[in-house]
């Protein structure tokens, strides 16, 4: 049996593609919470961004509009700021 192919996802910021494991997943949970999903397996609708500070800044620009659009959720400025801090912590880990 052949090796399994890694799924390819698109970065919400730069629109570039990469393997799922190379990107950071942001999830809108079934309860409506938006958070980082480090394992990439959490339940809910996902958005992906490169683990590159430039892509993260672009994804969070204008109150996280790129992420909010993909997740189909309103993202208030305070929530976008909290998400930005959460992403930064994840990138440092």
N, C-alpha and C. Protein backbone atom coordinates (compact mmCIF):
# COMPACT_ATOMS: atom_id res chain seq x y z
N UNK A 1 0.84 -1.17 0.00
CA UNK A 1 0.00 0.00 0.00
C UNK A 1 0.89 1.24 0.00
N UNK A 2 0.53 2.28 -0.77
CA UNK A 2 1.34 3.49 -0.89
C UNK A 2 1.23 4.38 0.33
N UNK A 3 2.17 5.32 0.41
CA UNK A 3 2.16 6.27 1.52
C UNK A 3 0.99 7.23 1.37
N UNK A 4 0.45 7.66 2.50
CA UNK A 4 -0.66 8.61 2.47
C UNK A 4 -0.14 9.99 2.13
N UNK A 5 -0.91 10.71 1.35
CA UNK A 5 -0.53 12.07 0.98
C UNK A 5 -1.03 13.04 2.03
N UNK A 6 -0.19 14.02 2.36
CA UNK A 6 -0.59 15.03 3.33
C UNK A 6 -1.57 16.01 2.67
N UNK A 7 -2.66 16.35 3.36
CA UNK A 7 -3.61 17.31 2.80
C UNK A 7 -2.95 18.67 2.60
N UNK A 8 -3.35 19.38 1.57
CA UNK A 8 -2.83 20.71 1.27
C UNK A 8 -3.91 21.72 1.65
N UNK A 9 -3.48 22.80 2.31
CA UNK A 9 -4.39 23.86 2.73
C UNK A 9 -3.86 25.20 2.22
N UNK A 10 -4.74 26.22 2.22
CA UNK A 10 -4.40 27.55 1.73
C UNK A 10 -4.34 28.53 2.91
N UNK A 11 -3.29 29.33 2.96
CA UNK A 11 -3.12 30.36 3.97
C UNK A 11 -4.12 31.48 3.71
N UNK A 12 -4.87 31.91 4.74
CA UNK A 12 -5.86 32.96 4.56
C UNK A 12 -5.22 34.32 4.29
N UNK A 13 -3.95 34.47 4.62
CA UNK A 13 -3.28 35.76 4.46
C UNK A 13 -2.67 35.91 3.06
N UNK A 14 -1.75 35.03 2.70
CA UNK A 14 -1.02 35.18 1.44
C UNK A 14 -1.61 34.36 0.30
N UNK A 15 -2.57 33.49 0.62
CA UNK A 15 -3.23 32.61 -0.35
C UNK A 15 -2.28 31.55 -0.92
N UNK A 16 -1.12 31.39 -0.32
CA UNK A 16 -0.20 30.34 -0.73
C UNK A 16 -0.64 29.01 -0.14
N UNK A 17 -0.25 27.92 -0.77
CA UNK A 17 -0.62 26.59 -0.28
C UNK A 17 0.57 25.92 0.38
N UNK A 18 0.25 25.03 1.31
CA UNK A 18 1.28 24.25 2.01
C UNK A 18 0.61 23.04 2.61
N UNK A 19 1.43 22.11 3.05
CA UNK A 19 0.90 20.94 3.74
C UNK A 19 0.23 21.35 5.03
N UNK A 20 -0.81 20.65 5.40
CA UNK A 20 -1.60 20.98 6.59
C UNK A 20 -0.73 21.12 7.83
N UNK A 21 0.26 20.27 7.98
CA UNK A 21 1.11 20.29 9.18
C UNK A 21 2.04 21.51 9.23
N UNK A 22 2.26 22.15 8.10
CA UNK A 22 3.13 23.33 8.05
C UNK A 22 2.41 24.61 8.44
N UNK A 23 1.08 24.56 8.49
CA UNK A 23 0.29 25.74 8.78
C UNK A 23 -0.30 25.68 10.18
N UNK A 24 -0.65 26.83 10.70
CA UNK A 24 -1.30 26.93 12.00
C UNK A 24 -2.80 27.03 11.77
N UNK A 25 -3.57 26.21 12.47
CA UNK A 25 -5.02 26.20 12.29
C UNK A 25 -5.69 27.06 13.35
N UNK A 26 -6.60 27.90 12.89
CA UNK A 26 -7.47 28.68 13.75
C UNK A 26 -8.86 28.05 13.59
N UNK A 27 -9.55 27.82 14.68
CA UNK A 27 -10.83 27.11 14.60
C UNK A 27 -11.95 27.93 15.24
N UNK A 28 -13.13 27.85 14.64
CA UNK A 28 -14.36 28.33 15.28
C UNK A 28 -15.05 27.09 15.79
N UNK A 29 -15.11 26.96 17.09
CA UNK A 29 -15.69 25.76 17.69
C UNK A 29 -17.20 25.75 17.48
N UNK A 30 -17.84 24.60 17.67
CA UNK A 30 -19.30 24.54 17.56
C UNK A 30 -20.01 25.50 18.52
N UNK A 31 -19.33 25.90 19.61
CA UNK A 31 -19.89 26.85 20.56
C UNK A 31 -19.67 28.30 20.11
N UNK A 32 -18.94 28.51 19.02
CA UNK A 32 -18.72 29.84 18.48
C UNK A 32 -17.44 30.51 18.94
N UNK A 33 -16.62 29.83 19.73
CA UNK A 33 -15.36 30.38 20.21
C UNK A 33 -14.31 30.29 19.09
N UNK A 34 -13.51 31.35 18.92
CA UNK A 34 -12.43 31.35 17.94
C UNK A 34 -11.12 31.22 18.72
N UNK A 35 -10.34 30.20 18.38
CA UNK A 35 -9.08 29.96 19.09
C UNK A 35 -8.09 29.23 18.19
N UNK A 36 -6.84 29.17 18.65
CA UNK A 36 -5.80 28.44 17.95
C UNK A 36 -6.00 26.95 18.23
N UNK A 37 -5.81 26.14 17.21
CA UNK A 37 -5.93 24.69 17.33
C UNK A 37 -4.57 24.08 17.00
N UNK A 38 -3.67 24.02 17.99
CA UNK A 38 -2.30 23.56 17.70
C UNK A 38 -2.23 22.14 17.13
N UNK A 39 -3.12 21.25 17.55
CA UNK A 39 -3.10 19.88 17.05
C UNK A 39 -3.71 19.78 15.65
N UNK A 40 -4.52 20.77 15.28
CA UNK A 40 -5.13 20.76 13.96
C UNK A 40 -6.25 19.75 13.81
N UNK A 41 -6.81 19.29 14.93
CA UNK A 41 -7.84 18.26 14.87
C UNK A 41 -9.10 18.62 15.64
N UNK A 42 -9.19 19.86 16.14
CA UNK A 42 -10.34 20.28 16.93
C UNK A 42 -11.60 20.34 16.08
N UNK A 43 -12.74 20.13 16.73
CA UNK A 43 -14.02 20.20 16.03
C UNK A 43 -14.34 21.64 15.68
N UNK A 44 -14.86 21.83 14.49
CA UNK A 44 -15.28 23.16 14.08
C UNK A 44 -14.69 23.55 12.74
N UNK A 45 -15.08 24.75 12.29
CA UNK A 45 -14.62 25.28 11.01
C UNK A 45 -13.22 25.85 11.18
N UNK A 46 -12.33 25.53 10.25
CA UNK A 46 -10.94 25.94 10.38
C UNK A 46 -10.46 26.93 9.33
N UNK A 47 -9.49 27.74 9.72
CA UNK A 47 -8.78 28.64 8.83
C UNK A 47 -7.29 28.39 9.08
N UNK A 48 -6.49 28.49 8.05
CA UNK A 48 -5.08 28.17 8.16
C UNK A 48 -4.23 29.39 7.82
N UNK A 49 -3.10 29.52 8.53
CA UNK A 49 -2.16 30.62 8.27
C UNK A 49 -0.74 30.06 8.41
N UNK A 50 0.16 30.55 7.56
CA UNK A 50 1.56 30.14 7.66
C UNK A 50 2.11 30.52 9.03
N UNK A 51 3.06 29.76 9.51
CA UNK A 51 3.71 30.05 10.79
C UNK A 51 4.80 31.10 10.58
N UNK A 52 4.46 32.12 9.86
CA UNK A 52 5.37 33.22 9.51
C UNK A 52 4.76 34.51 10.07
N UNK A 53 5.51 35.28 10.85
CA UNK A 53 4.96 36.50 11.43
C UNK A 53 4.34 37.46 10.40
N UNK A 54 4.89 37.51 9.20
CA UNK A 54 4.33 38.39 8.18
C UNK A 54 2.93 37.93 7.78
N UNK A 55 2.73 36.64 7.61
CA UNK A 55 1.40 36.12 7.27
C UNK A 55 0.43 36.31 8.42
N UNK A 56 0.90 36.11 9.64
CA UNK A 56 0.03 36.29 10.81
C UNK A 56 -0.42 37.75 10.89
N UNK A 57 0.52 38.70 10.70
CA UNK A 57 0.14 40.11 10.73
C UNK A 57 -0.89 40.42 9.65
N UNK A 58 -0.68 39.88 8.46
CA UNK A 58 -1.62 40.12 7.37
C UNK A 58 -2.99 39.51 7.66
N UNK A 59 -3.00 38.32 8.24
CA UNK A 59 -4.27 37.65 8.56
C UNK A 59 -5.04 38.42 9.63
N UNK A 60 -4.32 39.07 10.55
CA UNK A 60 -4.96 39.80 11.64
C UNK A 60 -5.21 41.26 11.30
N UNK A 61 -4.73 41.72 10.15
CA UNK A 61 -4.92 43.12 9.75
C UNK A 61 -6.42 43.43 9.65
N UNK A 62 -6.75 44.65 9.90
CA UNK A 62 -8.15 45.11 9.84
C UNK A 62 -9.05 44.26 10.74
N UNK A 63 -8.57 44.01 11.95
CA UNK A 63 -9.40 43.29 12.92
C UNK A 63 -9.58 41.82 12.62
N UNK A 64 -8.65 41.23 11.92
CA UNK A 64 -8.74 39.80 11.63
C UNK A 64 -9.78 39.48 10.58
N UNK A 65 -9.99 40.41 9.65
CA UNK A 65 -11.06 40.22 8.66
C UNK A 65 -10.86 38.98 7.79
N UNK A 66 -9.62 38.63 7.45
CA UNK A 66 -9.38 37.44 6.62
C UNK A 66 -9.79 36.18 7.38
N UNK A 67 -9.43 36.12 8.64
CA UNK A 67 -9.79 34.95 9.45
C UNK A 67 -11.29 34.91 9.67
N UNK A 68 -11.88 36.06 10.01
CA UNK A 68 -13.32 36.13 10.26
C UNK A 68 -14.12 35.71 9.02
N UNK A 69 -13.66 36.12 7.85
CA UNK A 69 -14.37 35.78 6.61
C UNK A 69 -14.38 34.27 6.39
N UNK A 70 -13.23 33.64 6.56
CA UNK A 70 -13.13 32.20 6.33
C UNK A 70 -13.92 31.43 7.38
N UNK A 71 -13.88 31.90 8.62
CA UNK A 71 -14.59 31.21 9.70
C UNK A 71 -16.08 31.56 9.74
N UNK A 72 -16.47 32.52 8.90
CA UNK A 72 -17.88 32.96 8.85
C UNK A 72 -18.38 33.39 10.23
N UNK A 73 -17.61 34.31 10.82
CA UNK A 73 -17.93 34.80 12.16
C UNK A 73 -17.53 36.26 12.27
N UNK A 74 -18.26 37.01 13.10
CA UNK A 74 -17.84 38.37 13.42
C UNK A 74 -16.71 38.29 14.42
N UNK A 75 -15.68 39.10 14.24
CA UNK A 75 -14.53 39.07 15.14
C UNK A 75 -14.29 40.48 15.66
N UNK A 76 -14.86 40.80 16.84
CA UNK A 76 -14.64 42.13 17.40
C UNK A 76 -13.16 42.42 17.60
N UNK A 77 -12.81 43.69 17.63
CA UNK A 77 -11.40 44.11 17.74
C UNK A 77 -10.72 43.47 18.95
N UNK A 78 -11.41 43.42 20.10
CA UNK A 78 -10.81 42.83 21.31
C UNK A 78 -10.53 41.34 21.11
N UNK A 79 -11.46 40.67 20.45
CA UNK A 79 -11.30 39.23 20.18
C UNK A 79 -10.14 38.99 19.21
N UNK A 80 -10.01 39.86 18.20
CA UNK A 80 -8.90 39.74 17.25
C UNK A 80 -7.57 39.96 17.95
N UNK A 81 -7.52 40.91 18.89
CA UNK A 81 -6.29 41.17 19.65
C UNK A 81 -5.94 39.96 20.52
N UNK A 82 -6.95 39.37 21.17
CA UNK A 82 -6.71 38.17 22.00
C UNK A 82 -6.20 37.02 21.15
N UNK A 83 -6.81 36.85 19.97
CA UNK A 83 -6.39 35.80 19.06
C UNK A 83 -4.95 36.02 18.61
N UNK A 84 -4.60 37.28 18.33
CA UNK A 84 -3.23 37.61 17.94
C UNK A 84 -2.22 37.22 19.01
N UNK A 85 -2.55 37.50 20.27
CA UNK A 85 -1.66 37.12 21.38
C UNK A 85 -1.54 35.60 21.48
N UNK A 86 -2.65 34.91 21.28
CA UNK A 86 -2.65 33.44 21.34
C UNK A 86 -1.78 32.86 20.22
N UNK A 87 -1.88 33.44 19.03
CA UNK A 87 -1.06 32.98 17.90
C UNK A 87 0.41 33.23 18.18
N UNK A 88 0.74 34.42 18.72
CA UNK A 88 2.14 34.72 19.04
C UNK A 88 2.71 33.71 20.02
N UNK A 89 1.94 33.37 21.05
CA UNK A 89 2.41 32.35 22.03
C UNK A 89 2.66 31.01 21.34
N UNK A 90 1.78 30.65 20.42
CA UNK A 90 1.94 29.39 19.72
C UNK A 90 3.17 29.39 18.82
N UNK A 91 3.46 30.52 18.18
CA UNK A 91 4.63 30.60 17.30
C UNK A 91 5.94 30.56 18.10
N UNK A 92 5.91 31.06 19.33
CA UNK A 92 7.09 31.04 20.18
C UNK A 92 7.37 29.66 20.73
N UNK A 93 6.35 28.82 20.82
CA UNK A 93 6.51 27.47 21.41
C UNK A 93 7.27 26.55 20.50
